Amino acid sequence: MQVTINGEEKEIPDGLTVTGLLGHLGIHPGRVAIERNLEILFRAKWENTLVQPGDRYEIVNFVGGG
């Protein structure tokens, strides 16, 4: 299925949850924020939210430093 991630169209397998999407992309879920279709998607919903064709995601990695 086609989705847009950080402005780039990607082909991903059907049936992924948002948690599964992160794993598919090789993104560690510990320090990211996710926006789905222009709305913040709270971490508690990642495991139960199925990725749908045409979804648009912005995935932001937090970087620590000093």
PDB file of N, CA and C in Angstrom:
ATOM      1  N   MET A   1       0.841  -1.176   0.000  1.00  0.00           N
ATOM      2  CA  MET A   1       0.000   0.000   0.000  1.00  0.00           C
ATOM      3  C   MET A   1       0.885   1.238   0.000  1.00  0.00           C
ATOM      4  N   GLN A   2       0.358   2.326  -0.508  1.00  0.00           N
ATOM      5  CA  GLN A   2       1.085   3.593  -0.586  1.00  0.00           C
ATOM      6  C   GLN A   2       0.736   4.485   0.594  1.00  0.00           C
ATOM      7  N   VAL A   3       1.752   5.018   1.258  1.00  0.00           N
ATOM      8  CA  VAL A   3       1.586   6.035   2.293  1.00  0.00           C
ATOM      9  C   VAL A   3       2.662   7.095   2.070  1.00  0.00           C
ATOM     10  N   THR A   4       2.479   8.236   2.704  1.00  0.00           N
ATOM     11  CA  THR A   4       3.480   9.293   2.630  1.00  0.00           C
ATOM     12  C   THR A   4       4.119   9.432   3.999  1.00  0.00           C
ATOM     13  N   ILE A   5       5.449   9.368   4.031  1.00  0.00           N
ATOM     14  CA  ILE A   5       6.187   9.478   5.288  1.00  0.00           C
ATOM     15  C   ILE A   5       7.208  10.600   5.129  1.00  0.00           C
ATOM     16  N   ASN A   6       7.049  11.628   5.963  1.00  0.00           N
ATOM     17  CA  ASN A   6       7.919  12.804   5.920  1.00  0.00           C
ATOM     18  C   ASN A   6       8.029  13.359   4.498  1.00  0.00           C
ATOM     19  N   GLY A   7       6.888  13.430   3.820  1.00  0.00           N
ATOM     20  CA  GLY A   7       6.820  14.019   2.493  1.00  0.00           C
ATOM     21  C   GLY A   7       7.211  13.113   1.341  1.00  0.00           C
ATOM     22  N   GLU A   8       7.582  11.875   1.633  1.00  0.00           N
ATOM     23  CA  GLU A   8       8.029  10.939   0.597  1.00  0.00           C
ATOM     24  C   GLU A   8       7.068   9.757   0.507  1.00  0.00           C
ATOM     25  N   GLU A   9       6.596   9.475  -0.709  1.00  0.00           N
ATOM     26  CA  GLU A   9       5.701   8.330  -0.883  1.00  0.00           C
ATOM     27  C   GLU A   9       6.486   7.027  -0.748  1.00  0.00           C
ATOM     28  N   LYS A  10       5.886   6.090  -0.003  1.00  0.00           N
ATOM     29  CA  LYS A  10       6.537   4.799   0.221  1.00  0.00           C
ATOM     30  C   LYS A  10       5.522   3.683   0.031  1.00  0.00           C
ATOM     31  N   GLU A  11       6.019   2.554  -0.427  1.00  0.00           N
ATOM     32  CA  GLU A  11       5.216   1.331  -0.534  1.00  0.00           C
ATOM     33  C   GLU A  11       5.525   0.486   0.701  1.00  0.00           C
ATOM     34  N   ILE A  12       4.476   0.136   1.453  1.00  0.00           N
ATOM     35  CA  ILE A  12       4.670  -0.665   2.661  1.00  0.00           C
ATOM     36  C   ILE A  12       3.708  -1.849   2.626  1.00  0.00           C
ATOM     37  N   PRO A  13       3.986  -2.892   3.414  1.00  0.00           N
ATOM     38  CA  PRO A  13       3.081  -4.048   3.461  1.00  0.00           C
ATOM     39  C   PRO A  13       1.726  -3.678   4.077  1.00  0.00           C
ATOM     40  N   ASP A  14       0.683  -4.356   3.657  1.00  0.00           N
ATOM     41  CA  ASP A  14      -0.649  -4.186   4.246  1.00  0.00           C
ATOM     42  C   ASP A  14      -0.659  -4.754   5.665  1.00  0.00           C
ATOM     43  N   GLY A  15      -1.561  -4.235   6.487  1.00  0.00           N
ATOM     44  CA  GLY A  15      -1.812  -4.810   7.807  1.00  0.00           C
ATOM     45  C   GLY A  15      -0.898  -4.351   8.916  1.00  0.00           C
ATOM     46  N   LEU A  16      -0.056  -3.342   8.668  1.00  0.00           N
ATOM     47  CA  LEU A  16       0.840  -2.865   9.719  1.00  0.00           C
ATOM     48  C   LEU A  16       0.111  -1.923  10.669  1.00  0.00           C
ATOM     49  N   THR A  17       0.453  -2.026  11.947  1.00  0.00           N
ATOM     50  CA  THR A  17       0.060  -0.993  12.900  1.00  0.00           C
ATOM     51  C   THR A  17       1.135   0.092  12.824  1.00  0.00           C
ATOM     52  N   VAL A  18       0.916   1.191  13.517  1.00  0.00           N
ATOM     53  CA  VAL A  18       1.931   2.249  13.534  1.00  0.00           C
ATOM     54  C   VAL A  18       3.218   1.726  14.169  1.00  0.00           C
ATOM     55  N   THR A  19       3.108   0.910  15.208  1.00  0.00           N
ATOM     56  CA  THR A  19       4.298   0.298  15.802  1.00  0.00           C
ATOM     57  C   THR A  19       5.013  -0.576  14.776  1.00  0.00           C
ATOM     58  N   GLY A  20       4.256  -1.365  14.021  1.00  0.00           N
ATOM     59  CA  GLY A  20       4.830  -2.195  12.967  1.00  0.00           C
ATOM     60  C   GLY A  20       5.473  -1.369  11.870  1.00  0.00           C
ATOM     61  N   LEU A  21       4.874  -0.228  11.550  1.00  0.00           N
ATOM     62  CA  LEU A  21       5.444   0.677  10.543  1.00  0.00           C
ATOM     63  C   LEU A  21       6.821   1.157  10.981  1.00  0.00           C
ATOM     64  N   LEU A  22       6.945   1.550  12.240  1.00  0.00           N
ATOM     65  CA  LEU A  22       8.252   1.989  12.744  1.00  0.00           C
ATOM     66  C   LEU A  22       9.278   0.871  12.608  1.00  0.00           C
ATOM     67  N   GLY A  23       8.892  -0.352  12.973  1.00  0.00           N
ATOM     68  CA  GLY A  23       9.801  -1.488  12.830  1.00  0.00           C
ATOM     69  C   GLY A  23      10.182  -1.724  11.383  1.00  0.00           C
ATOM     70  N   HIS A  24       9.214  -1.636  10.486  1.00  0.00           N
ATOM     71  CA  HIS A  24       9.471  -1.812   9.055  1.00  0.00           C
ATOM     72  C   HIS A  24      10.459  -0.771   8.534  1.00  0.00           C
ATOM     73  N   LEU A  25      10.361   0.439   9.062  1.00  0.00           N
ATOM     74  CA  LEU A  25      11.250   1.530   8.636  1.00  0.00           C
ATOM     75  C   LEU A  25      12.587   1.522   9.368  1.00  0.00           C
ATOM     76  N   GLY A  26      12.723   0.660  10.382  1.00  0.00           N
ATOM     77  CA  GLY A  26      13.962   0.599  11.156  1.00  0.00           C
ATOM     78  C   GLY A  26      14.122   1.762  12.115  1.00  0.00           C
ATOM     79  N   ILE A  27      12.992   2.297  12.572  1.00  0.00           N
ATOM     80  CA  ILE A  27      13.018   3.440  13.496  1.00  0.00           C
ATOM     81  C   ILE A  27      12.729   2.943  14.904  1.00  0.00           C
ATOM     82  N   HIS A  28      13.630   3.235  15.834  1.00  0.00           N
ATOM     83  CA  HIS A  28      13.417   2.867  17.236  1.00  0.00           C
ATOM     84  C   HIS A  28      12.324   3.770  17.797  1.00  0.00           C
ATOM     85  N   PRO A  29      11.300   3.192  18.414  1.00  0.00           N
ATOM     86  CA  PRO A  29      10.162   3.994  18.856  1.00  0.00           C
ATOM     87  C   PRO A  29      10.395   4.823  20.116  1.00  0.00           C
ATOM     88  N   GLY A  30      11.538   4.673  20.754  1.00  0.00           N
ATOM     89  CA  GLY A  30      11.773   5.319  22.038  1.00  0.00           C
ATOM     90  C   GLY A  30      11.741   6.833  22.037  1.00  0.00           C
ATOM     91  N   ARG A  31      12.252   7.461  20.989  1.00  0.00           N
ATOM     92  CA  ARG A  31      12.377   8.916  21.009  1.00  0.00           C
ATOM     93  C   ARG A  31      11.822   9.546  19.737  1.00  0.00           C
ATOM     94  N   VAL A  32      10.585   9.195  19.403  1.00  0.00           N
ATOM     95  CA  VAL A  32       9.955   9.799  18.232  1.00  0.00           C
ATOM     96  C   VAL A  32       8.573  10.337  18.589  1.00  0.00           C
ATOM     97  N   ALA A  33       8.128  11.294  17.805  1.00  0.00           N
ATOM     98  CA  ALA A  33       6.759  11.795  17.852  1.00  0.00           C
ATOM     99  C   ALA A  33       6.174  11.552  16.472  1.00  0.00           C
ATOM    100  N   ILE A  34       4.884  11.243  16.427  1.00  0.00           N
ATOM    101  CA  ILE A  34       4.251  10.909  15.151  1.00  0.00           C
ATOM    102  C   ILE A  34       2.997  11.751  14.962  1.00  0.00           C
ATOM    103  N   GLU A  35       2.911  12.321  13.752  1.00  0.00           N
ATOM    104  CA  GLU A  35       1.697  12.993  13.320  1.00  0.00           C
ATOM    105  C   GLU A  35       1.102  12.161  12.194  1.00  0.00           C
ATOM    106  N   ARG A  36      -0.174  11.856  12.302  1.00  0.00           N
ATOM    107  CA  ARG A  36      -0.877  11.055  11.283  1.00  0.00           C
ATOM    108  C   ARG A  36      -2.019  11.887  10.725  1.00  0.00           C
ATOM    109  N   ASN A  37      -1.962  12.130   9.426  1.00  0.00           N
ATOM    110  CA  ASN A  37      -3.020  12.907   8.765  1.00  0.00           C
ATOM    111  C   ASN A  37      -3.305  14.222   9.487  1.00  0.00           C
ATOM    112  N   LEU A  38      -2.213  14.934   9.814  1.00  0.00           N
ATOM    113  CA  LEU A  38      -2.244  16.274  10.426  1.00  0.00           C
ATOM    114  C   LEU A  38      -2.691  16.296  11.881  1.00  0.00           C
ATOM    115  N   GLU A  39      -2.740  15.138  12.539  1.00  0.00           N
ATOM    116  CA  GLU A  39      -3.084  15.082  13.958  1.00  0.00           C
ATOM    117  C   GLU A  39      -2.020  14.299  14.714  1.00  0.00           C
ATOM    118  N   ILE A  40      -1.669  14.792  15.907  1.00  0.00           N
ATOM    119  CA  ILE A  40      -0.711  14.071  16.750  1.00  0.00           C
ATOM    120  C   ILE A  40      -1.311  12.712  17.101  1.00  0.00           C
ATOM    121  N   LEU A  41      -0.500  11.677  16.953  1.00  0.00           N
ATOM    122  CA  LEU A  41      -0.935  10.326  17.317  1.00  0.00           C
ATOM    123  C   LEU A  41      -0.215   9.944  18.608  1.00  0.00           C
ATOM    124  N   PHE A  42      -0.972   9.853  19.675  1.00  0.00           N
ATOM    125  CA  PHE A  42      -0.387   9.570  20.974  1.00  0.00           C
ATOM    126  C   PHE A  42       0.157   8.147  21.030  1.00  0.00           C
ATOM    127  N   ARG A  43       1.256   7.998  21.710  1.00  0.00           N
ATOM    128  CA  ARG A  43       1.976   6.727  21.809  1.00  0.00           C
ATOM    129  C   ARG A  43       1.068   5.569  22.246  1.00  0.00           C
ATOM    130  N   ALA A  44       0.133   5.826  23.114  1.00  0.00           N
ATOM    131  CA  ALA A  44      -0.768   4.780  23.602  1.00  0.00           C
ATOM    132  C   ALA A  44      -1.618   4.180  22.483  1.00  0.00           C
ATOM    133  N   LYS A  45      -1.757   4.877  21.362  1.00  0.00           N
ATOM    134  CA  LYS A  45      -2.583   4.399  20.254  1.00  0.00           C
ATOM    135  C   LYS A  45      -1.778   3.717  19.150  1.00  0.00           C
ATOM    136  N   TRP A  46      -0.462   3.757  19.209  1.00  0.00           N
ATOM    137  CA  TRP A  46       0.369   3.223  18.124  1.00  0.00           C
ATOM    138  C   TRP A  46       0.109   1.751  17.857  1.00  0.00           C
ATOM    139  N   GLU A  47      -0.004   0.955  18.904  1.00  0.00           N
ATOM    140  CA  GLU A  47      -0.135  -0.500  18.752  1.00  0.00           C
ATOM    141  C   GLU A  47      -1.475  -0.904  18.136  1.00  0.00           C
ATOM    142  N   ASN A  48      -2.497  -0.077  18.327  1.00  0.00           N
ATOM    143  CA  ASN A  48      -3.832  -0.424  17.853  1.00  0.00           C
ATOM    144  C   ASN A  48      -4.279   0.355  16.619  1.00  0.00           C
ATOM    145  N   THR A  49      -3.430   1.244  16.115  1.00  0.00           N
ATOM    146  CA  THR A  49      -3.794   2.046  14.948  1.00  0.00           C
ATOM    147  C   THR A  49      -3.241   1.385  13.697  1.00  0.00           C
ATOM    148  N   LEU A  50      -4.140   0.938  12.814  1.00  0.00           N
ATOM    149  CA  LEU A  50      -3.719   0.337  11.551  1.00  0.00           C
ATOM    150  C   LEU A  50      -3.389   1.421  10.535  1.00  0.00           C
ATOM    151  N   VAL A  51      -2.290   1.233   9.835  1.00  0.00           N
ATOM    152  CA  VAL A  51      -1.908   2.133   8.753  1.00  0.00           C
ATOM    153  C   VAL A  51      -2.871   1.890   7.591  1.00  0.00           C
ATOM    154  N   GLN A  52      -3.408   2.974   7.042  1.00  0.00           N
ATOM    155  CA  GLN A  52      -4.383   2.887   5.958  1.00  0.00           C
ATOM    156  C   GLN A  52      -3.782   3.449   4.667  1.00  0.00           C
ATOM    157  N   PRO A  53      -4.205   2.939   3.518  1.00  0.00           N
ATOM    158  CA  PRO A  53      -3.720   3.480   2.245  1.00  0.00           C
ATOM    159  C   PRO A  53      -3.966   4.985   2.178  1.00  0.00           C
ATOM    160  N   GLY A  54      -2.952   5.718   1.751  1.00  0.00           N
ATOM    161  CA  GLY A  54      -3.069   7.166   1.615  1.00  0.00           C
ATOM    162  C   GLY A  54      -2.764   7.954   2.870  1.00  0.00           C
ATOM    163  N   ASP A  55      -2.513   7.267   4.009  1.00  0.00           N
ATOM    164  CA  ASP A  55      -2.150   7.986   5.227  1.00  0.00           C
ATOM    165  C   ASP A  55      -0.910   8.830   4.989  1.00  0.00           C
ATOM    166  N   ARG A  56      -0.844   9.950   5.726  1.00  0.00           N
ATOM    167  CA  ARG A  56       0.326  10.829   5.682  1.00  0.00           C
ATOM    168  C   ARG A  56       0.907  10.901   7.091  1.00  0.00           C
ATOM    169  N   TYR A  57       2.179  10.540   7.204  1.00  0.00           N
ATOM    170  CA  TYR A  57       2.858  10.542   8.501  1.00  0.00           C
ATOM    171  C   TYR A  57       4.030  11.513   8.494  1.00  0.00           C
ATOM    172  N   GLU A  58       4.173  12.213   9.594  1.00  0.00           N
ATOM    173  CA  GLU A  58       5.390  12.964   9.888  1.00  0.00           C
ATOM    174  C   GLU A  58       5.968  12.300  11.130  1.00  0.00           C
ATOM    175  N   ILE A  59       7.183  11.792  11.014  1.00  0.00           N
ATOM    176  CA  ILE A  59       7.840  11.105  12.124  1.00  0.00           C
ATOM    177  C   ILE A  59       9.082  11.905  12.468  1.00  0.00           C
ATOM    178  N   VAL A  60       9.122  12.389  13.714  1.00  0.00           N
ATOM    179  CA  VAL A  60      10.218  13.250  14.164  1.00  0.00           C
ATOM    180  C   VAL A  60      11.017  12.519  15.222  1.00  0.00           C
ATOM    181  N   ASN A  61      12.326  12.434  15.004  1.00  0.00           N
ATOM    182  CA  ASN A  61      13.239  11.853  15.988  1.00  0.00           C
ATOM    183  C   ASN A  61      13.754  12.945  16.899  1.00  0.00           C
ATOM    184  N   PHE A  62      13.707  12.709  18.200  1.00  0.00           N
ATOM    185  CA  PHE A  62      14.276  13.654  19.157  1.00  0.00           C
ATOM    186  C   PHE A  62      15.750  13.305  19.338  1.00  0.00           C
ATOM    187  N   VAL A  63      16.582  14.326  19.322  1.00  0.00           N
ATOM    188  CA  VAL A  63      18.013  14.150  19.476  1.00  0.00           C
ATOM    189  C   VAL A  63      18.461  14.904  20.714  1.00  0.00           C
ATOM    190  N   GLY A  64      19.161  14.205  21.606  1.00  0.00           N
ATOM    191  CA  GLY A  64      19.681  14.838  22.803  1.00  0.00           C
ATOM    192  C   GLY A  64      21.064  15.420  22.534  1.00  0.00           C
ATOM    193  N   GLY A  65      21.445  16.302  23.364  1.00  0.00           N
ATOM    194  CA  GLY A  65      22.770  16.901  23.203  1.00  0.00           C
ATOM    195  C   GLY A  65      22.996  17.935  24.283  1.00  0.00           C
ATOM    196  N   GLY A  66      24.133  18.539  24.198  1.00  0.00           N
ATOM    197  CA  GLY A  66      24.413  19.527  25.230  1.00  0.00           C
ATOM    198  C   GLY A  66      25.275  20.618  24.718  1.00  0.00           C
TER     199      GLY A  66
END
